[in-house]
Amino acid sequence: MKISIVLLTIAMAVSCSSSGSDAAVGTVNNTNSVQAASPSPSSAESTANVNTNANTVQDAGPQRIVFANANWGTANLSLAPNSAKRFVVSAKSGQTMDVEVSSKETSVNLIKGKAETTEDFGYLRAELISNGDYVFEVRNSTKKAIKASVKVTIENPAADSEEQ
């Protein structure tokens, strides 16, 4: 009897995940957590409860902003209420990264990378301490959808002062 219940439970979980249902994968029921899809969920993860009040990241991976022959790059984004979008840029120690979002109804936070930061609504300034990828998040904490653009500028303060 136990085996048939387990098999039925597994069959129902597989059926829900393969039928295109809206079941969330890997959702954490903490209101300040990030919702991210797991590459190979177990049957327990595929039946996780969804907290509709949780702040979520709209997609599983950050979008890379590439700088084409310049010290800045841009991206456009649409944010649903209480959601966020992550971006990644490559930078070096000693550089300064400025992130400006066209909507002041957003917050910008550094998620990955060593830096001294200053944050304000729609703005982040980071004095970078290490080489590598830096991930930042733009969050919409309002109850309305937001469309905005993000501009990232990376400068080397030592090189700028030598030119003057």
N, C-alpha and C. Protein backbone atom coordinates (compact mmCIF):
# COMPACT_ATOMS: atom_id res chain seq x y z
N MET A 1 0.82 -1.19 0.00
CA MET A 1 0.00 0.00 0.00
C MET A 1 0.87 1.26 0.00
N LYS A 2 1.96 1.26 0.81
CA LYS A 2 2.84 2.43 0.87
C LYS A 2 3.47 2.69 -0.49
N ILE A 3 3.88 1.65 -1.19
CA ILE A 3 4.53 1.82 -2.49
C ILE A 3 3.57 2.45 -3.48
N SER A 4 2.30 2.03 -3.50
CA SER A 4 1.35 2.60 -4.46
C SER A 4 1.06 4.06 -4.15
N ILE A 5 1.06 4.45 -2.88
CA ILE A 5 0.85 5.86 -2.52
C ILE A 5 2.04 6.70 -2.97
N VAL A 6 3.25 6.19 -2.75
CA VAL A 6 4.46 6.90 -3.18
C VAL A 6 4.47 7.04 -4.69
N LEU A 7 4.15 5.95 -5.41
CA LEU A 7 4.12 6.00 -6.88
C LEU A 7 3.06 6.98 -7.37
N LEU A 8 1.90 6.99 -6.73
CA LEU A 8 0.84 7.92 -7.11
C LEU A 8 1.28 9.36 -6.87
N THR A 9 1.94 9.62 -5.75
CA THR A 9 2.43 10.97 -5.44
C THR A 9 3.47 11.41 -6.46
N ILE A 10 4.39 10.52 -6.81
CA ILE A 10 5.41 10.85 -7.81
C ILE A 10 4.76 11.08 -9.17
N ALA A 11 3.80 10.25 -9.53
CA ALA A 11 3.11 10.40 -10.82
C ALA A 11 2.37 11.73 -10.88
N MET A 12 1.75 12.13 -9.79
CA MET A 12 1.04 13.42 -9.77
C MET A 12 2.02 14.58 -9.90
N ALA A 13 3.16 14.49 -9.24
CA ALA A 13 4.16 15.56 -9.31
C ALA A 13 4.71 15.67 -10.72
N VAL A 14 5.01 14.53 -11.35
CA VAL A 14 5.51 14.54 -12.73
C VAL A 14 4.46 15.08 -13.68
N SER A 15 3.21 14.68 -13.47
CA SER A 15 2.12 15.13 -14.32
C SER A 15 1.95 16.64 -14.23
N CYS A 16 2.02 17.20 -13.00
CA CYS A 16 1.87 18.65 -12.83
C CYS A 16 3.01 19.41 -13.49
N SER A 17 4.24 18.89 -13.34
CA SER A 17 5.37 19.61 -13.89
C SER A 17 5.46 19.49 -15.40
N SER A 18 4.96 18.42 -15.99
CA SER A 18 5.05 18.26 -17.44
C SER A 18 3.83 18.78 -18.17
N SER A 19 2.75 19.09 -17.46
CA SER A 19 1.53 19.54 -18.14
C SER A 19 1.51 21.04 -18.36
N GLY A 20 2.58 21.73 -18.02
CA GLY A 20 2.63 23.18 -18.23
C GLY A 20 1.86 23.94 -17.17
N SER A 21 1.64 23.34 -16.01
CA SER A 21 0.92 24.04 -14.96
C SER A 21 1.77 25.18 -14.44
N ASP A 22 1.16 26.03 -13.65
CA ASP A 22 1.84 27.19 -13.13
C ASP A 22 2.53 26.90 -11.80
N ALA A 23 2.79 25.66 -11.48
CA ALA A 23 3.44 25.32 -10.21
C ALA A 23 4.84 25.91 -10.19
N ALA A 24 5.19 26.54 -9.09
CA ALA A 24 6.51 27.16 -8.97
C ALA A 24 7.54 26.12 -8.58
N VAL A 25 8.76 26.34 -9.01
CA VAL A 25 9.86 25.44 -8.68
C VAL A 25 10.85 26.19 -7.83
N GLY A 26 11.21 25.64 -6.70
CA GLY A 26 12.24 26.24 -5.87
C GLY A 26 11.83 27.54 -5.21
N THR A 27 10.57 27.76 -4.96
CA THR A 27 10.11 28.98 -4.33
C THR A 27 10.35 28.91 -2.83
N VAL A 28 10.83 29.99 -2.27
CA VAL A 28 11.07 30.07 -0.84
C VAL A 28 9.99 30.96 -0.25
N ASN A 29 9.39 30.56 0.85
CA ASN A 29 8.30 31.31 1.43
C ASN A 29 8.75 32.40 2.40
N ASN A 30 9.83 33.07 2.10
CA ASN A 30 10.32 34.18 2.88
C ASN A 30 10.06 35.43 2.06
N THR A 31 9.41 36.43 2.62
CA THR A 31 9.02 37.60 1.83
C THR A 31 10.19 38.39 1.28
N ASN A 32 11.40 38.20 1.77
CA ASN A 32 12.56 38.90 1.25
C ASN A 32 13.46 37.99 0.43
N SER A 33 12.95 36.87 -0.01
CA SER A 33 13.78 35.91 -0.72
C SER A 33 13.62 36.05 -2.22
N VAL A 34 14.46 35.32 -2.93
CA VAL A 34 14.48 35.34 -4.38
C VAL A 34 13.89 34.05 -4.89
N GLN A 35 13.03 34.12 -5.89
CA GLN A 35 12.47 32.93 -6.49
C GLN A 35 13.30 32.57 -7.70
N ALA A 36 13.90 31.39 -7.69
CA ALA A 36 14.74 30.97 -8.81
C ALA A 36 14.44 29.54 -9.16
N ALA A 37 14.43 29.23 -10.43
CA ALA A 37 14.15 27.87 -10.87
C ALA A 37 15.37 27.00 -10.65
N SER A 38 15.16 25.79 -10.19
CA SER A 38 16.22 24.83 -9.99
C SER A 38 16.37 24.00 -11.26
N PRO A 39 17.60 23.70 -11.68
CA PRO A 39 17.77 22.97 -12.93
C PRO A 39 17.18 21.56 -12.91
N SER A 40 17.20 20.87 -11.76
CA SER A 40 16.63 19.52 -11.71
C SER A 40 15.91 19.35 -10.37
N PRO A 41 14.66 19.80 -10.30
CA PRO A 41 13.95 19.77 -9.03
C PRO A 41 13.56 18.35 -8.63
N SER A 42 13.55 18.11 -7.32
CA SER A 42 13.03 16.85 -6.81
C SER A 42 11.52 16.95 -6.76
N SER A 43 10.84 15.87 -6.53
CA SER A 43 9.38 15.91 -6.48
C SER A 43 8.91 16.80 -5.33
N ALA A 44 9.68 16.88 -4.24
CA ALA A 44 9.30 17.75 -3.12
C ALA A 44 9.39 19.20 -3.53
N GLU A 45 10.44 19.58 -4.31
CA GLU A 45 10.59 20.97 -4.74
C GLU A 45 9.51 21.37 -5.73
N SER A 46 9.07 20.44 -6.57
CA SER A 46 8.10 20.79 -7.60
C SER A 46 6.73 21.05 -7.02
N THR A 47 6.51 20.67 -5.76
CA THR A 47 5.21 20.92 -5.15
C THR A 47 5.31 21.97 -4.05
N ALA A 48 6.36 22.81 -4.08
CA ALA A 48 6.55 23.84 -3.06
C ALA A 48 5.40 24.83 -3.08
N ASN A 49 5.05 25.34 -1.91
CA ASN A 49 4.00 26.34 -1.82
C ASN A 49 4.48 27.67 -2.37
N VAL A 50 3.57 28.42 -2.95
CA VAL A 50 3.91 29.72 -3.52
C VAL A 50 3.33 30.80 -2.62
N ASN A 51 4.15 31.74 -2.21
CA ASN A 51 3.71 32.88 -1.44
C ASN A 51 3.57 34.03 -2.41
N THR A 52 2.36 34.44 -2.75
CA THR A 52 2.14 35.46 -3.75
C THR A 52 2.58 36.84 -3.29
N ASN A 53 2.84 37.02 -2.00
CA ASN A 53 3.32 38.31 -1.49
C ASN A 53 4.83 38.40 -1.49
N ALA A 54 5.51 37.35 -1.86
CA ALA A 54 6.98 37.34 -1.83
C ALA A 54 7.54 38.20 -2.94
N ASN A 55 8.65 38.87 -2.65
CA ASN A 55 9.37 39.60 -3.69
C ASN A 55 10.12 38.58 -4.52
N THR A 56 10.01 38.67 -5.84
CA THR A 56 10.63 37.65 -6.67
C THR A 56 11.50 38.27 -7.74
N VAL A 57 12.48 37.50 -8.19
CA VAL A 57 13.29 37.88 -9.34
C VAL A 57 12.58 37.34 -10.55
N GLN A 58 12.45 38.14 -11.61
CA GLN A 58 11.64 37.75 -12.75
C GLN A 58 12.22 36.60 -13.54
N ASP A 59 13.50 36.38 -13.52
CA ASP A 59 14.07 35.25 -14.25
C ASP A 59 15.20 34.65 -13.44
N ALA A 60 15.65 33.48 -13.86
CA ALA A 60 16.60 32.73 -13.06
C ALA A 60 18.02 33.30 -13.10
N GLY A 61 18.44 33.90 -14.20
CA GLY A 61 19.81 34.36 -14.31
C GLY A 61 19.92 35.83 -14.62
N PRO A 62 21.04 36.43 -14.22
CA PRO A 62 21.23 37.85 -14.52
C PRO A 62 21.52 38.09 -16.00
N GLN A 63 21.12 39.25 -16.48
CA GLN A 63 21.38 39.67 -17.86
C GLN A 63 22.71 40.40 -17.89
N ARG A 64 23.61 39.98 -18.78
CA ARG A 64 24.93 40.63 -18.89
C ARG A 64 24.79 41.92 -19.69
N ILE A 65 25.37 42.99 -19.17
CA ILE A 65 25.45 44.26 -19.88
C ILE A 65 26.85 44.35 -20.46
N VAL A 66 26.93 44.49 -21.78
CA VAL A 66 28.21 44.53 -22.48
C VAL A 66 28.51 45.97 -22.87
N PHE A 67 29.76 46.35 -22.72
CA PHE A 67 30.20 47.71 -23.03
C PHE A 67 30.89 47.65 -24.39
N ALA A 68 30.26 48.19 -25.43
CA ALA A 68 30.80 48.16 -26.79
C ALA A 68 31.67 49.40 -27.02
N ASN A 69 33.00 49.23 -26.90
CA ASN A 69 33.96 50.31 -27.15
C ASN A 69 33.66 51.58 -26.37
N ALA A 70 33.16 51.45 -25.16
CA ALA A 70 32.84 52.61 -24.33
C ALA A 70 32.97 52.20 -22.87
N ASN A 71 32.83 53.17 -21.98
CA ASN A 71 32.87 52.84 -20.56
C ASN A 71 31.47 52.73 -19.96
N TRP A 72 30.44 52.62 -20.83
CA TRP A 72 29.08 52.50 -20.34
C TRP A 72 28.27 51.55 -21.22
N GLY A 73 27.19 51.06 -20.64
CA GLY A 73 26.26 50.18 -21.35
C GLY A 73 24.87 50.39 -20.78
N THR A 74 23.86 50.02 -21.56
CA THR A 74 22.48 50.21 -21.12
C THR A 74 21.66 48.95 -21.34
N ALA A 75 20.52 48.90 -20.66
CA ALA A 75 19.54 47.84 -20.84
C ALA A 75 18.18 48.40 -20.49
N ASN A 76 17.16 47.92 -21.18
CA ASN A 76 15.78 48.29 -20.86
C ASN A 76 15.16 47.16 -20.05
N LEU A 77 14.23 47.52 -19.16
CA LEU A 77 13.57 46.50 -18.38
C LEU A 77 12.14 46.87 -18.07
N SER A 78 11.34 45.86 -17.86
CA SER A 78 9.96 46.00 -17.39
C SER A 78 9.87 45.18 -16.11
N LEU A 79 9.42 45.81 -15.05
CA LEU A 79 9.31 45.13 -13.77
C LEU A 79 7.86 45.08 -13.31
N ALA A 80 7.40 43.89 -13.02
CA ALA A 80 6.08 43.71 -12.43
C ALA A 80 6.13 44.24 -10.99
N PRO A 81 4.97 44.46 -10.38
CA PRO A 81 4.97 44.88 -8.97
C PRO A 81 5.71 43.88 -8.09
N ASN A 82 6.47 44.38 -7.13
CA ASN A 82 7.21 43.55 -6.17
C ASN A 82 8.12 42.53 -6.82
N SER A 83 8.80 42.92 -7.89
CA SER A 83 9.72 42.00 -8.56
C SER A 83 11.05 42.71 -8.80
N ALA A 84 12.02 41.94 -9.29
CA ALA A 84 13.35 42.48 -9.51
C ALA A 84 13.98 41.83 -10.73
N LYS A 85 14.99 42.48 -11.26
CA LYS A 85 15.77 41.98 -12.39
C LYS A 85 17.23 42.13 -12.01
N ARG A 86 18.01 41.10 -12.31
CA ARG A 86 19.45 41.13 -12.00
C ARG A 86 20.26 41.32 -13.28
N PHE A 87 21.36 42.04 -13.12
CA PHE A 87 22.29 42.32 -14.21
C PHE A 87 23.69 41.99 -13.75
N VAL A 88 24.58 41.67 -14.71
CA VAL A 88 25.97 41.37 -14.39
C VAL A 88 26.87 42.15 -15.33
N VAL A 89 27.96 42.69 -14.77
CA VAL A 89 28.99 43.38 -15.56
C VAL A 89 30.34 42.89 -15.08
N SER A 90 31.31 42.94 -15.96
CA SER A 90 32.67 42.57 -15.62
C SER A 90 33.47 43.85 -15.34
N ALA A 91 34.23 43.87 -14.26
CA ALA A 91 34.99 45.07 -13.89
C ALA A 91 36.24 44.67 -13.12
N LYS A 92 37.06 45.70 -12.83
CA LYS A 92 38.35 45.47 -12.17
C LYS A 92 38.46 46.27 -10.88
N SER A 93 39.32 45.79 -10.02
CA SER A 93 39.61 46.47 -8.77
C SER A 93 40.10 47.89 -9.05
N GLY A 94 39.66 48.85 -8.25
CA GLY A 94 40.06 50.24 -8.41
C GLY A 94 39.12 51.04 -9.29
N GLN A 95 38.24 50.38 -10.02
CA GLN A 95 37.29 51.09 -10.86
C GLN A 95 36.07 51.51 -10.03
N THR A 96 35.32 52.46 -10.59
CA THR A 96 34.08 52.91 -9.97
C THR A 96 32.93 52.56 -10.90
N MET A 97 31.88 51.95 -10.36
CA MET A 97 30.70 51.59 -11.14
C MET A 97 29.52 52.43 -10.67
N ASP A 98 28.90 53.13 -11.60
CA ASP A 98 27.67 53.88 -11.34
C ASP A 98 26.54 53.21 -12.08
N VAL A 99 25.44 52.94 -11.38
CA VAL A 99 24.23 52.37 -11.98
C VAL A 99 23.12 53.38 -11.78
N GLU A 100 22.53 53.83 -12.89
CA GLU A 100 21.42 54.78 -12.82
C GLU A 100 20.21 54.17 -13.50
N VAL A 101 19.08 54.16 -12.80
CA VAL A 101 17.83 53.67 -13.35
C VAL A 101 16.93 54.87 -13.61
N SER A 102 16.27 54.88 -14.77
CA SER A 102 15.46 56.04 -15.14
C SER A 102 14.25 56.23 -14.22
N SER A 103 13.84 55.22 -13.49
CA SER A 103 12.73 55.33 -12.55
C SER A 103 13.27 55.42 -11.13
N LYS A 104 12.91 56.47 -10.42
CA LYS A 104 13.34 56.63 -9.03
C LYS A 104 12.47 55.79 -8.09
N GLU A 105 11.50 55.07 -8.63
CA GLU A 105 10.65 54.18 -7.83
C GLU A 105 11.30 52.80 -7.66
N THR A 106 12.55 52.68 -8.04
CA THR A 106 13.28 51.42 -7.93
C THR A 106 14.39 51.55 -6.91
N SER A 107 14.86 50.40 -6.43
CA SER A 107 16.07 50.38 -5.61
C SER A 107 17.11 49.56 -6.37
N VAL A 108 18.39 49.88 -6.16
CA VAL A 108 19.48 49.17 -6.81
C VAL A 108 20.42 48.70 -5.71
N ASN A 109 20.71 47.40 -5.72
CA ASN A 109 21.57 46.82 -4.69
C ASN A 109 22.61 45.92 -5.32
N LEU A 110 23.83 45.98 -4.80
CA LEU A 110 24.89 45.09 -5.24
C LEU A 110 24.66 43.73 -4.58
N ILE A 111 24.62 42.69 -5.40
CA ILE A 111 24.35 41.33 -4.92
C ILE A 111 25.63 40.51 -4.83
N LYS A 112 26.54 40.69 -5.81
CA LYS A 112 27.78 39.91 -5.84
C LYS A 112 28.92 40.82 -6.24
N GLY A 113 30.05 40.69 -5.56
CA GLY A 113 31.24 41.47 -5.84
C GLY A 113 31.63 42.29 -4.63
N LYS A 114 32.93 42.47 -4.44
CA LYS A 114 33.43 43.24 -3.29
C LYS A 114 33.54 44.70 -3.69
N ALA A 115 32.87 45.57 -2.92
CA ALA A 115 32.87 47.00 -3.21
C ALA A 115 32.37 47.78 -2.01
N GLU A 116 32.77 49.05 -1.96
CA GLU A 116 32.20 50.02 -1.02
C GLU A 116 31.06 50.69 -1.79
N THR A 117 29.84 50.64 -1.28
CA THR A 117 28.69 51.13 -2.05
C THR A 117 27.98 52.29 -1.39
N THR A 118 27.36 53.09 -2.25
CA THR A 118 26.43 54.15 -1.86
C THR A 118 25.17 53.90 -2.68
N GLU A 119 24.03 53.82 -2.01
CA GLU A 119 22.78 53.52 -2.69
C GLU A 119 21.75 54.60 -2.41
N ASP A 120 20.94 54.88 -3.41
CA ASP A 120 19.82 55.80 -3.30
C ASP A 120 18.73 55.27 -4.21
N PHE A 121 17.55 55.84 -4.20
CA PHE A 121 16.48 55.37 -5.07
C PHE A 121 16.92 55.53 -6.52
N GLY A 122 16.95 54.41 -7.25
CA GLY A 122 17.31 54.43 -8.65
C GLY A 122 18.79 54.64 -8.93
N TYR A 123 19.65 54.50 -7.91
CA TYR A 123 21.07 54.79 -8.10
C TYR A 123 21.94 53.91 -7.20
N LEU A 124 23.09 53.49 -7.75
CA LEU A 124 24.10 52.76 -6.99
C LEU A 124 25.46 53.23 -7.45
N ARG A 125 26.34 53.53 -6.49
CA ARG A 125 27.74 53.84 -6.79
C ARG A 125 28.58 52.85 -6.01
N ALA A 126 29.51 52.20 -6.71
CA ALA A 126 30.33 51.18 -6.07
C ALA A 126 31.80 51.41 -6.40
N GLU A 127 32.61 51.52 -5.36
CA GLU A 127 34.07 51.59 -5.49
C GLU A 127 34.54 50.13 -5.43
N LEU A 128 34.99 49.60 -6.57
CA LEU A 128 35.23 48.17 -6.71
C LEU A 128 36.56 47.75 -6.08
N ILE A 129 36.53 46.64 -5.36
CA ILE A 129 37.67 46.16 -4.60
C ILE A 129 38.34 44.95 -5.25
N SER A 130 37.63 44.22 -6.09
CA SER A 130 38.20 43.01 -6.69
C SER A 130 37.88 42.94 -8.18
N ASN A 131 38.63 42.10 -8.89
CA ASN A 131 38.38 41.85 -10.31
C ASN A 131 37.30 40.79 -10.46
N GLY A 132 36.50 40.89 -11.54
CA GLY A 132 35.52 39.84 -11.81
C GLY A 132 34.15 40.37 -12.14
N ASP A 133 33.18 39.49 -12.03
CA ASP A 133 31.79 39.85 -12.31
C ASP A 133 31.14 40.47 -11.09
N TYR A 134 30.39 41.52 -11.34
CA TYR A 134 29.59 42.19 -10.31
C TYR A 134 28.13 42.05 -10.71
N VAL A 135 27.30 41.57 -9.78
CA VAL A 135 25.87 41.39 -10.03
C VAL A 135 25.12 42.41 -9.18
N PHE A 136 24.22 43.14 -9.83
CA PHE A 136 23.36 44.07 -9.10
C PHE A 136 21.92 43.79 -9.46
N GLU A 137 21.04 44.21 -8.56
CA GLU A 137 19.61 43.95 -8.71
C GLU A 137 18.84 45.26 -8.71
N VAL A 138 17.93 45.40 -9.66
CA VAL A 138 17.01 46.53 -9.70
C VAL A 138 15.66 46.00 -9.23
N ARG A 139 15.11 46.59 -8.17
CA ARG A 139 13.88 46.09 -7.56
C ARG A 139 12.76 47.13 -7.63
N ASN A 140 11.58 46.65 -8.00
CA ASN A 140 10.37 47.45 -7.98
C ASN A 140 9.56 47.03 -6.76
N SER A 141 9.51 47.88 -5.75
CA SER A 141 8.76 47.56 -4.52
C SER A 141 7.38 48.19 -4.51
N THR A 142 6.97 48.76 -5.64
CA THR A 142 5.66 49.40 -5.71
C THR A 142 4.59 48.37 -6.09
N LYS A 143 3.36 48.82 -6.13
CA LYS A 143 2.24 47.96 -6.50
C LYS A 143 1.83 48.15 -7.96
N LYS A 144 2.70 48.79 -8.75
CA LYS A 144 2.41 48.99 -10.17
C LYS A 144 3.61 48.55 -11.00
N ALA A 145 3.35 48.18 -12.25
CA ALA A 145 4.43 47.79 -13.16
C ALA A 145 5.25 49.02 -13.54
N ILE A 146 6.55 48.80 -13.77
CA ILE A 146 7.45 49.88 -14.12
C ILE A 146 8.25 49.50 -15.36
N LYS A 147 8.36 50.43 -16.29
CA LYS A 147 9.27 50.29 -17.43
C LYS A 147 10.36 51.32 -17.25
N ALA A 148 11.61 50.89 -17.41
CA ALA A 148 12.72 51.81 -17.16
C ALA A 148 13.93 51.38 -17.97
N SER A 149 14.94 52.24 -17.96
CA SER A 149 16.22 51.88 -18.56
C SER A 149 17.28 51.95 -17.47
N VAL A 150 18.32 51.13 -17.66
CA VAL A 150 19.43 51.07 -16.72
C VAL A 150 20.68 51.47 -17.47
N LYS A 151 21.45 52.42 -16.92
CA LYS A 151 22.73 52.81 -17.51
C LYS A 151 23.82 52.49 -16.50
N VAL A 152 24.82 51.73 -16.94
CA VAL A 152 25.95 51.37 -16.10
C VAL A 152 27.19 52.02 -16.67
N THR A 153 27.89 52.78 -15.84
CA THR A 153 29.14 53.42 -16.25
C THR A 153 30.24 52.88 -15.35
N ILE A 154 31.35 52.47 -15.96
CA ILE A 154 32.50 52.01 -15.19
C ILE A 154 33.69 52.88 -15.58
N GLU A 155 34.30 53.50 -14.56
CA GLU A 155 35.43 54.41 -14.79
C GLU A 155 36.60 53.99 -13.93
N ASN A 156 37.77 54.32 -14.41
CA ASN A 156 38.99 54.11 -13.66
C ASN A 156 39.44 55.48 -13.15
N PRO A 157 39.18 55.82 -11.90
CA PRO A 157 39.49 57.15 -11.37
C PRO A 157 40.95 57.55 -11.55
N ALA A 158 41.88 56.63 -11.46
CA ALA A 158 43.30 56.96 -11.63
C ALA A 158 43.59 57.43 -13.04
N ALA A 159 42.99 56.79 -14.04
CA ALA A 159 43.19 57.19 -15.42
C ALA A 159 42.55 58.53 -15.72
N ASP A 160 41.38 58.78 -15.09
CA ASP A 160 40.70 60.06 -15.31
C ASP A 160 41.50 61.23 -14.75
N SER A 161 42.13 61.05 -13.58
CA SER A 161 42.89 62.16 -12.99
C SER A 161 44.20 62.40 -13.72
N GLU A 162 44.76 61.38 -14.39
CA GLU A 162 45.99 61.56 -15.16
C GLU A 162 45.74 62.36 -16.43
N GLU A 163 44.52 62.28 -17.00
CA GLU A 163 44.20 62.99 -18.23
C GLU A 163 44.04 64.48 -18.02
N GLN A 164 43.73 64.90 -16.78
CA GLN A 164 43.43 66.32 -16.52
C GLN A 164 44.64 67.13 -16.31
